[in-house]
Amino acid sequence: MSENWQKVYSHTYIHRIEIARAVLKEYDIDSVVVNNKDSAYLFGEFELYVNADDVLQAKQIILTKKL
């Protein structure tokens, strides 16, 4: 992943990340999911990244939709 991607959302449940990703897709914002969850001990979070140009819009959408 290049340096132009920034984290806009994180959660412990993948389905919450996928919902946020789907909502951002409706606004033509591309996103990438990064799995930082430890497979053995099940701690950590999934993170959603968007291009730096879309960060403000993505965060606003996530806040507005209360994801």
N, C-alpha and C. Protein backbone atom coordinates (compact mmCIF):
# COMPACT_ATOMS: atom_id res chain seq x y z
N MET A 1 0.86 -1.17 0.00
CA MET A 1 0.00 0.00 0.00
C MET A 1 0.91 1.23 0.00
N SER A 2 0.58 2.20 -0.82
CA SER A 2 1.43 3.38 -0.93
C SER A 2 1.20 4.35 0.22
N GLU A 3 2.03 5.36 0.27
CA GLU A 3 1.94 6.35 1.34
C GLU A 3 0.71 7.25 1.21
N ASN A 4 0.02 7.19 0.08
CA ASN A 4 -1.14 8.05 -0.14
C ASN A 4 -2.41 7.55 0.51
N TRP A 5 -2.36 6.40 1.18
CA TRP A 5 -3.54 5.84 1.83
C TRP A 5 -3.50 6.17 3.31
N GLN A 6 -4.65 6.56 3.86
CA GLN A 6 -4.73 6.92 5.28
C GLN A 6 -5.92 6.21 5.93
N LYS A 7 -5.74 5.87 7.19
CA LYS A 7 -6.79 5.16 7.94
C LYS A 7 -7.92 6.13 8.28
N VAL A 8 -9.15 5.70 8.01
CA VAL A 8 -10.32 6.52 8.33
C VAL A 8 -11.26 5.83 9.31
N TYR A 9 -11.07 4.53 9.52
CA TYR A 9 -12.01 3.81 10.39
C TYR A 9 -11.36 2.50 10.84
N SER A 10 -11.65 2.08 12.05
CA SER A 10 -11.19 0.78 12.52
C SER A 10 -12.24 0.19 13.45
N HIS A 11 -12.27 -1.12 13.50
CA HIS A 11 -13.25 -1.82 14.35
C HIS A 11 -12.76 -3.24 14.58
N THR A 12 -13.25 -3.86 15.63
CA THR A 12 -12.85 -5.23 15.92
C THR A 12 -13.63 -6.26 15.11
N TYR A 13 -14.78 -5.87 14.54
CA TYR A 13 -15.60 -6.80 13.76
C TYR A 13 -15.51 -6.47 12.28
N ILE A 14 -15.21 -7.49 11.48
CA ILE A 14 -15.04 -7.31 10.04
C ILE A 14 -16.34 -6.85 9.37
N HIS A 15 -17.49 -7.29 9.85
CA HIS A 15 -18.74 -6.90 9.19
C HIS A 15 -18.98 -5.40 9.30
N ARG A 16 -18.55 -4.76 10.38
CA ARG A 16 -18.68 -3.31 10.50
C ARG A 16 -17.80 -2.59 9.48
N ILE A 17 -16.60 -3.14 9.26
CA ILE A 17 -15.68 -2.57 8.27
C ILE A 17 -16.27 -2.73 6.87
N GLU A 18 -16.84 -3.89 6.59
CA GLU A 18 -17.40 -4.14 5.26
C GLU A 18 -18.61 -3.25 4.99
N ILE A 19 -19.40 -2.95 6.01
CA ILE A 19 -20.52 -2.03 5.84
C ILE A 19 -20.00 -0.64 5.51
N ALA A 20 -18.99 -0.18 6.25
CA ALA A 20 -18.40 1.13 5.97
C ALA A 20 -17.80 1.17 4.57
N ARG A 21 -17.16 0.09 4.18
CA ARG A 21 -16.56 0.02 2.84
C ARG A 21 -17.64 0.11 1.76
N ALA A 22 -18.75 -0.58 1.97
CA ALA A 22 -19.85 -0.56 1.00
C ALA A 22 -20.47 0.84 0.88
N VAL A 23 -20.62 1.51 2.02
CA VAL A 23 -21.17 2.86 2.01
C VAL A 23 -20.23 3.81 1.26
N LEU A 24 -18.94 3.71 1.51
CA LEU A 24 -17.98 4.56 0.81
C LEU A 24 -17.98 4.28 -0.69
N LYS A 25 -18.17 3.02 -1.06
CA LYS A 25 -18.23 2.66 -2.48
C LYS A 25 -19.40 3.34 -3.16
N GLU A 26 -20.53 3.52 -2.45
CA GLU A 26 -21.69 4.22 -3.01
C GLU A 26 -21.34 5.66 -3.37
N TYR A 27 -20.35 6.23 -2.71
CA TYR A 27 -19.90 7.59 -2.98
C TYR A 27 -18.65 7.61 -3.87
N ASP A 28 -18.37 6.49 -4.52
CA ASP A 28 -17.22 6.33 -5.42
C ASP A 28 -15.89 6.59 -4.73
N ILE A 29 -15.79 6.15 -3.48
CA ILE A 29 -14.53 6.25 -2.74
C ILE A 29 -13.96 4.85 -2.61
N ASP A 30 -12.79 4.65 -3.21
CA ASP A 30 -12.12 3.35 -3.11
C ASP A 30 -11.51 3.20 -1.73
N SER A 31 -11.52 1.97 -1.21
CA SER A 31 -10.97 1.72 0.11
C SER A 31 -10.28 0.37 0.16
N VAL A 32 -9.44 0.21 1.17
CA VAL A 32 -8.69 -1.02 1.36
C VAL A 32 -8.83 -1.43 2.82
N VAL A 33 -9.07 -2.72 3.05
CA VAL A 33 -9.19 -3.25 4.41
C VAL A 33 -7.86 -3.91 4.78
N VAL A 34 -7.37 -3.57 5.97
CA VAL A 34 -6.15 -4.18 6.50
C VAL A 34 -6.52 -4.94 7.76
N ASN A 35 -6.12 -6.21 7.81
CA ASN A 35 -6.42 -7.06 8.96
C ASN A 35 -5.24 -7.02 9.92
N ASN A 36 -5.40 -6.34 11.04
CA ASN A 36 -4.38 -6.29 12.09
C ASN A 36 -4.78 -7.14 13.29
N LYS A 37 -5.68 -8.07 13.06
CA LYS A 37 -6.18 -8.93 14.14
C LYS A 37 -5.26 -10.14 14.27
N ASP A 38 -4.82 -10.42 15.46
CA ASP A 38 -3.96 -11.57 15.71
C ASP A 38 -4.80 -12.84 15.61
N SER A 39 -4.34 -13.80 14.82
CA SER A 39 -5.14 -15.01 14.59
C SER A 39 -5.13 -15.98 15.77
N ALA A 40 -4.11 -15.95 16.58
CA ALA A 40 -4.02 -16.88 17.70
C ALA A 40 -4.78 -16.39 18.93
N TYR A 41 -4.66 -15.10 19.23
CA TYR A 41 -5.25 -14.57 20.46
C TYR A 41 -6.47 -13.70 20.23
N LEU A 42 -6.79 -13.44 18.97
CA LEU A 42 -7.99 -12.70 18.58
C LEU A 42 -8.10 -11.31 19.20
N PHE A 43 -6.99 -10.60 19.27
CA PHE A 43 -7.05 -9.19 19.64
C PHE A 43 -6.53 -8.37 18.47
N GLY A 44 -6.84 -7.09 18.47
CA GLY A 44 -6.46 -6.22 17.37
C GLY A 44 -7.70 -5.76 16.63
N GLU A 45 -7.50 -5.04 15.55
CA GLU A 45 -8.62 -4.47 14.81
C GLU A 45 -8.41 -4.61 13.30
N PHE A 46 -9.53 -4.48 12.61
CA PHE A 46 -9.50 -4.33 11.16
C PHE A 46 -9.49 -2.83 10.89
N GLU A 47 -8.77 -2.40 9.86
CA GLU A 47 -8.66 -0.98 9.57
C GLU A 47 -9.08 -0.73 8.12
N LEU A 48 -9.71 0.42 7.91
CA LEU A 48 -10.18 0.83 6.58
C LEU A 48 -9.38 2.05 6.15
N TYR A 49 -8.75 1.94 4.99
CA TYR A 49 -7.92 3.02 4.46
C TYR A 49 -8.51 3.54 3.16
N VAL A 50 -8.37 4.86 2.94
CA VAL A 50 -8.77 5.49 1.69
C VAL A 50 -7.62 6.35 1.19
N ASN A 51 -7.71 6.74 -0.06
CA ASN A 51 -6.72 7.63 -0.64
C ASN A 51 -6.72 8.95 0.10
N ALA A 52 -5.57 9.58 0.23
CA ALA A 52 -5.42 10.82 0.99
C ALA A 52 -6.37 11.91 0.50
N ASP A 53 -6.67 11.92 -0.78
CA ASP A 53 -7.57 12.93 -1.34
C ASP A 53 -9.01 12.76 -0.86
N ASP A 54 -9.37 11.57 -0.42
CA ASP A 54 -10.74 11.27 -0.01
C ASP A 54 -10.94 11.20 1.49
N VAL A 55 -9.92 11.48 2.28
CA VAL A 55 -9.99 11.29 3.73
C VAL A 55 -11.09 12.12 4.37
N LEU A 56 -11.13 13.39 4.09
CA LEU A 56 -12.14 14.25 4.73
C LEU A 56 -13.56 13.83 4.37
N GLN A 57 -13.79 13.56 3.10
CA GLN A 57 -15.12 13.15 2.67
C GLN A 57 -15.49 11.80 3.30
N ALA A 58 -14.55 10.87 3.33
CA ALA A 58 -14.83 9.55 3.90
C ALA A 58 -15.16 9.64 5.39
N LYS A 59 -14.38 10.42 6.13
CA LYS A 59 -14.65 10.57 7.57
C LYS A 59 -16.00 11.23 7.80
N GLN A 60 -16.35 12.20 6.98
CA GLN A 60 -17.64 12.87 7.12
C GLN A 60 -18.78 11.89 6.85
N ILE A 61 -18.64 11.07 5.84
CA ILE A 61 -19.67 10.07 5.51
C ILE A 61 -19.82 9.08 6.66
N ILE A 62 -18.71 8.60 7.19
CA ILE A 62 -18.74 7.64 8.29
C ILE A 62 -19.41 8.24 9.52
N LEU A 63 -19.11 9.49 9.82
CA LEU A 63 -19.74 10.17 10.97
C LEU A 63 -21.22 10.40 10.74
N THR A 64 -21.57 10.82 9.54
CA THR A 64 -22.97 11.11 9.20
C THR A 64 -23.83 9.85 9.26
N LYS A 65 -23.29 8.76 8.74
CA LYS A 65 -24.03 7.49 8.71
C LYS A 65 -23.96 6.74 10.04
N LYS A 66 -23.16 7.25 10.98
CA LYS A 66 -23.00 6.65 12.31
C LYS A 66 -22.59 5.18 12.22
N LEU A 67 -21.54 4.95 11.46
CA LEU A 67 -21.06 3.57 11.27
C LEU A 67 -20.19 3.11 12.39
